[in-house]
């Protein structure tokens, strides 16, 4: 499997040129940290304190510095967790952290990505990660009446199966 940390120029271009509806998106993030962060030499020359960071520590720096930019475009983290076990997937594939981030639209995400100060902190993300996935998701609406009917059906089925 190919390891990826940053989107290619083609992926970014396609993502932002696709027609989109302006509706909210939730980005699924899957991260694998490097054992030790791998900063570029020019960054370490100016920031020697970063030399001994683990990948996870470097990502925490990135994450903390990202929050003001995320909130400024109306985004927010929805859920963050440590990956434990993969029930379905390649045996050699392991993720350290998985999380969901809400954006009010693709345009909001794009707005954040082009902020110069946000781009500058990307050095921590790139140094931190051995591999990653970033997947756009959109909500699929399940009618409330359908959820109520299914809930009642399974409660009745459970009740009678115990008898």
Protein backbone atom coordinates (compact mmCIF):
# COMPACT_ATOMS: atom_id res chain seq x y z
CA UNK A 1 0.00 0.00 0.00
CA UNK A 2 1.27 3.47 -0.90
CA UNK A 3 1.85 5.75 2.07
CA UNK A 4 0.53 9.27 1.71
CA UNK A 5 0.72 12.31 3.92
CA UNK A 6 -0.25 15.21 1.65
CA UNK A 7 -2.72 15.41 -1.22
CA UNK A 8 -1.21 15.73 -4.67
CA UNK A 9 -1.79 18.93 -6.62
CA UNK A 10 -4.11 16.92 -8.88
CA UNK A 11 -6.15 15.63 -5.93
CA UNK A 12 -6.53 19.16 -4.52
CA UNK A 13 -7.46 20.56 -7.91
CA UNK A 14 -10.06 17.83 -8.50
CA UNK A 15 -11.49 18.15 -5.00
CA UNK A 16 -12.03 21.88 -5.25
CA UNK A 17 -13.06 21.97 -8.91
CA UNK A 18 -15.77 19.32 -8.48
CA UNK A 19 -19.19 20.85 -8.35
CA UNK A 20 -20.43 20.78 -4.80
CA UNK A 21 -23.66 21.80 -3.21
CA UNK A 22 -22.46 24.04 -0.39
CA UNK A 23 -23.74 21.57 2.19
CA UNK A 24 -21.73 20.53 5.23
CA UNK A 25 -19.03 17.88 4.94
CA UNK A 26 -17.38 15.72 7.55
CA UNK A 27 -13.80 14.70 6.89
CA UNK A 28 -12.70 11.27 8.10
CA UNK A 29 -9.04 11.42 9.14
CA UNK A 30 -6.92 8.30 9.70
CA UNK A 31 -3.37 8.86 10.95
CA UNK A 32 -0.25 6.76 11.48
CA UNK A 33 2.48 8.59 13.38
CA UNK A 34 6.21 8.28 12.78
CA UNK A 35 8.14 7.01 15.79
CA UNK A 36 10.16 10.25 15.69
CA UNK A 37 9.07 13.40 13.87
CA UNK A 38 10.97 14.09 10.65
CA UNK A 39 11.35 17.86 10.35
CA UNK A 40 13.22 19.47 7.44
CA UNK A 41 16.73 20.68 8.29
CA UNK A 42 15.85 24.34 7.69
CA UNK A 43 13.00 24.09 10.21
CA UNK A 44 15.25 22.46 12.82
CA UNK A 45 17.91 25.14 12.31
CA UNK A 46 15.36 27.75 13.42
CA UNK A 47 13.48 25.51 15.88
CA UNK A 48 15.98 23.14 17.56
CA UNK A 49 13.41 22.34 20.29
CA UNK A 50 11.49 20.28 17.70
CA UNK A 51 14.42 17.89 17.10
CA UNK A 52 13.41 15.31 19.71
CA UNK A 53 9.64 15.26 19.24
CA UNK A 54 7.85 12.01 18.57
CA UNK A 55 5.45 11.91 15.65
CA UNK A 56 2.53 12.05 18.06
CA UNK A 57 3.98 15.08 19.86
CA UNK A 58 4.54 16.89 16.55
CA UNK A 59 0.96 16.18 15.55
CA UNK A 60 -0.31 17.53 18.87
CA UNK A 61 1.56 20.79 18.15
CA UNK A 62 -0.09 20.93 14.72
CA UNK A 63 -3.51 20.05 16.14
CA UNK A 64 -3.43 22.73 18.86
CA UNK A 65 -2.29 25.38 16.39
CA UNK A 66 -4.97 24.32 13.88
CA UNK A 67 -7.96 24.85 16.17
CA UNK A 68 -8.23 28.66 15.80
CA UNK A 69 -8.20 28.31 11.99
CA UNK A 70 -10.75 25.50 12.08
CA UNK A 71 -13.11 27.50 14.29
CA UNK A 72 -12.61 30.65 12.18
CA UNK A 73 -14.19 28.93 9.14
CA UNK A 74 -17.04 27.40 11.16
CA UNK A 75 -15.45 23.96 11.50
CA UNK A 76 -15.16 21.82 14.60
CA UNK A 77 -13.87 18.41 15.66
CA UNK A 78 -16.77 15.97 16.12
CA UNK A 79 -15.02 12.88 17.43
CA UNK A 80 -11.43 11.82 18.11
CA UNK A 81 -10.26 8.36 19.09
CA UNK A 82 -7.27 6.08 19.30
CA UNK A 83 -7.43 3.27 16.76
CA UNK A 84 -7.39 -0.06 18.59
CA UNK A 85 -8.22 -3.00 16.32
CA UNK A 86 -9.08 -3.34 12.67
CA UNK A 87 -11.74 -5.97 12.09
CA UNK A 88 -11.65 -5.57 8.29
CA UNK A 89 -8.53 -4.42 6.47
CA UNK A 90 -5.02 -5.47 5.52
CA UNK A 91 -3.21 -7.20 8.39
CA UNK A 92 -0.25 -4.84 8.08
CA UNK A 93 -2.36 -1.67 8.11
CA UNK A 94 -2.59 0.08 11.46
CA UNK A 95 -3.82 3.56 12.33
CA UNK A 96 -2.89 5.42 15.51
CA UNK A 97 -5.67 7.99 15.52
CA UNK A 98 -9.00 8.37 13.77
CA UNK A 99 -11.20 11.43 13.90
CA UNK A 100 -14.05 13.30 12.27
CA UNK A 101 -13.96 17.03 11.50
CA UNK A 102 -17.04 19.03 10.48
CA UNK A 103 -16.86 21.87 7.94
CA UNK A 104 -19.93 23.90 6.95
CA UNK A 105 -18.93 23.38 3.28
CA UNK A 106 -16.04 22.43 1.02
CA UNK A 107 -15.53 26.15 0.51
CA UNK A 108 -14.91 26.59 4.25
CA UNK A 109 -12.24 23.86 4.14
CA UNK A 110 -10.63 25.50 1.11
CA UNK A 111 -10.71 28.88 2.87
CA UNK A 112 -8.78 27.40 5.81
CA UNK A 113 -6.23 25.60 3.63
CA UNK A 114 -5.11 28.79 1.89
CA UNK A 115 -4.54 30.87 5.04
CA UNK A 116 -0.76 31.54 5.05
CA UNK A 117 -0.42 31.07 8.83
CA UNK A 118 -2.26 27.74 8.57
CA UNK A 119 -0.01 26.60 5.74
CA UNK A 120 3.04 27.43 7.89
CA UNK A 121 2.04 25.02 10.67
CA UNK A 122 1.73 22.17 8.16
CA UNK A 123 5.42 21.47 8.80
CA UNK A 124 4.40 19.81 12.09
CA UNK A 125 1.78 17.62 10.39
CA UNK A 126 4.17 16.53 7.65
CA UNK A 127 6.92 15.79 10.18
CA UNK A 128 4.51 13.81 12.37
CA UNK A 129 2.89 11.46 9.89
CA UNK A 130 4.11 8.26 8.32
CA UNK A 131 0.79 7.70 6.57
CA UNK A 132 -2.69 9.19 6.49
CA UNK A 133 -6.08 9.16 4.82
CA UNK A 134 -8.49 12.04 4.47
CA UNK A 135 -11.94 11.12 3.19
CA UNK A 136 -14.81 13.51 2.53
CA UNK A 137 -18.17 12.26 3.76
CA UNK A 138 -21.65 13.69 3.44
CA UNK A 139 -24.61 12.82 5.61
CA UNK A 140 -27.17 10.38 4.29
CA UNK A 141 -30.54 11.31 5.64
CA UNK A 142 -32.60 8.52 7.15
CA UNK A 143 -36.19 9.64 7.61
CA UNK A 144 -37.15 9.85 11.30
CA UNK A 145 -40.27 7.78 10.72
CA UNK A 146 -38.10 4.97 9.31
CA UNK A 147 -35.87 5.05 12.39
CA UNK A 148 -38.91 4.93 14.68
CA UNK A 149 -40.43 1.97 12.81
CA UNK A 150 -37.14 0.04 12.84
CA UNK A 151 -36.64 0.76 16.53
CA UNK A 152 -40.13 -0.51 17.40
CA UNK A 153 -39.72 -3.56 15.15
CA UNK A 154 -36.44 -4.64 16.77
CA UNK A 155 -37.76 -4.05 20.30
CA UNK A 156 -40.78 -6.25 19.57
CA UNK A 157 -38.61 -8.90 17.93
CA UNK A 158 -36.22 -8.89 20.90
CA UNK A 159 -39.11 -9.10 23.38
CA UNK A 160 -40.69 -12.12 21.63
CA UNK A 161 -37.39 -13.90 21.04
CA UNK A 162 -36.83 -14.00 24.82
CA UNK A 163 -40.18 -15.65 25.46
